[in-house]
Each structure stands twice: as structure tokens, then as C-alpha cells.
């Protein structure tokens, strides 16, 4: 399964970076790179795993933070 963050007009760049750091445990600069990709291309693959329960848990946490996401099987 793949988890993507999708661009929106509601969340600030810094909020997206903080969420990436908090829920995906990525360093600040990686969060900035991901947020930049989301902003410029519309989406970014942020996590890939066969662990559906873990991936859906991250999905739910990020949705509660207001981020827009997509999961692919």
C-alpha cells in the first residue's frame, strides 16, 4: 500500500512539515522537501508498506490534522 499527501489550499507549508515530522518521523529538511513536492506537483508518496493497519493509522492521524491524503493498494 502507498500513502500520498495531496495538495490543498487550506494547510500552511509549515503545518504540513510539522505533521510529516510528527507522524512519519522524518527530519525537518525531508519534511520541507515533501511539502515542496506536494505544493509543486500536487502530491507526494510519503510511505509505502505492506502493514495496512500501520498505514491506515498514519492516514487517520494526518486527516485529523487537516491534511488531504490518498491511499493506493
Protein backbone atom coordinates (compact mmCIF):
# COMPACT_ATOMS: atom_id res chain seq x y z
CA UNK A 1 0.00 0.00 0.00
CA UNK A 2 1.07 3.55 -0.69
CA UNK A 3 0.21 6.73 1.21
CA UNK A 4 0.24 10.07 -0.61
CA UNK A 5 -0.14 13.60 0.72
CA UNK A 6 -2.23 15.63 -1.72
CA UNK A 7 -2.01 19.39 -2.20
CA UNK A 8 -4.73 21.64 -0.82
CA UNK A 9 -5.27 25.34 -0.29
CA UNK A 10 -6.03 25.01 3.42
CA UNK A 11 -2.81 23.94 5.15
CA UNK A 12 0.32 26.01 5.50
CA UNK A 13 3.68 24.73 4.38
CA UNK A 14 4.93 24.68 7.98
CA UNK A 15 1.88 22.76 9.23
CA UNK A 16 2.48 20.08 6.61
CA UNK A 17 6.16 19.88 7.58
CA UNK A 18 5.30 19.59 11.31
CA UNK A 19 2.80 16.81 10.60
CA UNK A 20 5.33 14.92 8.49
CA UNK A 21 7.87 15.18 11.31
CA UNK A 22 5.38 14.17 13.99
CA UNK A 23 3.60 11.25 12.33
CA UNK A 24 6.18 9.95 9.85
CA UNK A 25 9.28 10.68 11.96
CA UNK A 26 11.05 12.32 9.04
CA UNK A 27 13.66 15.03 9.68
CA UNK A 28 12.79 18.68 9.11
CA UNK A 29 14.58 19.01 5.77
CA UNK A 30 12.90 15.88 4.40
CA UNK A 31 9.56 17.30 5.53
CA UNK A 32 10.35 20.51 3.66
CA UNK A 33 11.24 18.56 0.52
CA UNK A 34 7.99 16.58 0.72
CA UNK A 35 5.90 19.71 1.34
CA UNK A 36 7.60 21.37 -1.63
CA UNK A 37 6.83 18.40 -3.89
CA UNK A 38 3.21 18.37 -2.73
CA UNK A 39 2.90 22.09 -3.45
CA UNK A 40 4.57 21.96 -6.86
CA UNK A 41 3.36 18.63 -8.25
CA UNK A 42 0.06 18.13 -6.42
CA UNK A 43 1.06 15.09 -4.38
CA UNK A 44 3.91 13.08 -2.92
CA UNK A 45 4.30 9.45 -1.90
CA UNK A 46 5.26 9.59 1.78
CA UNK A 47 5.01 5.99 2.96
CA UNK A 48 4.89 2.56 1.38
CA UNK A 49 4.23 -0.55 3.44
CA UNK A 50 2.52 -3.92 3.43
CA UNK A 51 1.35 -3.12 7.00
CA UNK A 52 -2.16 -1.88 6.26
CA UNK A 53 -3.05 -1.26 9.91
CA UNK A 54 0.00 0.96 10.44
CA UNK A 55 -0.58 2.86 7.19
CA UNK A 56 -4.26 3.45 7.95
CA UNK A 57 -3.30 4.66 11.44
CA UNK A 58 -0.97 7.27 9.94
CA UNK A 59 -3.68 8.18 7.42
CA UNK A 60 -6.25 8.77 10.18
CA UNK A 61 -3.82 10.84 12.27
CA UNK A 62 -2.89 13.07 9.33
CA UNK A 63 -6.54 13.52 8.31
CA UNK A 64 -7.31 14.66 11.87
CA UNK A 65 -4.58 17.28 11.40
CA UNK A 66 -6.42 18.52 8.31
CA UNK A 67 -4.15 17.11 5.61
CA UNK A 68 -5.53 15.66 2.40
CA UNK A 69 -4.33 12.14 1.65
CA UNK A 70 -4.82 9.23 -0.69
CA UNK A 71 -4.11 5.50 -0.22
CA UNK A 72 -3.39 3.14 -3.10
CA UNK A 73 -3.30 -0.62 -2.86
